[in-house]
Each structure stands twice: as C-alpha cells, then as structure tokens.
Amino acid sequence: RILEGGTWAAGRAIAAERRRGGGPPLLIVSDGTVF
C-alpha cells in the first residue's frame, strides 16, 4: 500500500505539471451502461 500510494501521488504530481488540470490522459464520456 505504501508503494501504491507513493507511485499514485508521484503520477498525479507529474500529470499536474504536464497536463492542464492534471487529469487523466483519456476522457471517457459514459452514461454508466455496461454491456
């Protein structure tokens, strides 16, 4: 859990520097339907 939390936090910090808003690289628009 410590490693997972550290890598997640580091990834979010890098994303915030490189992408506007620091969000995920893909934006998925969905109504929640699962096939």
Foldseek 3Di string as FASTA:
>chain_A
DVVVVVVVVVQQVVLVVVDPVSDDPDDDDDPPDDD
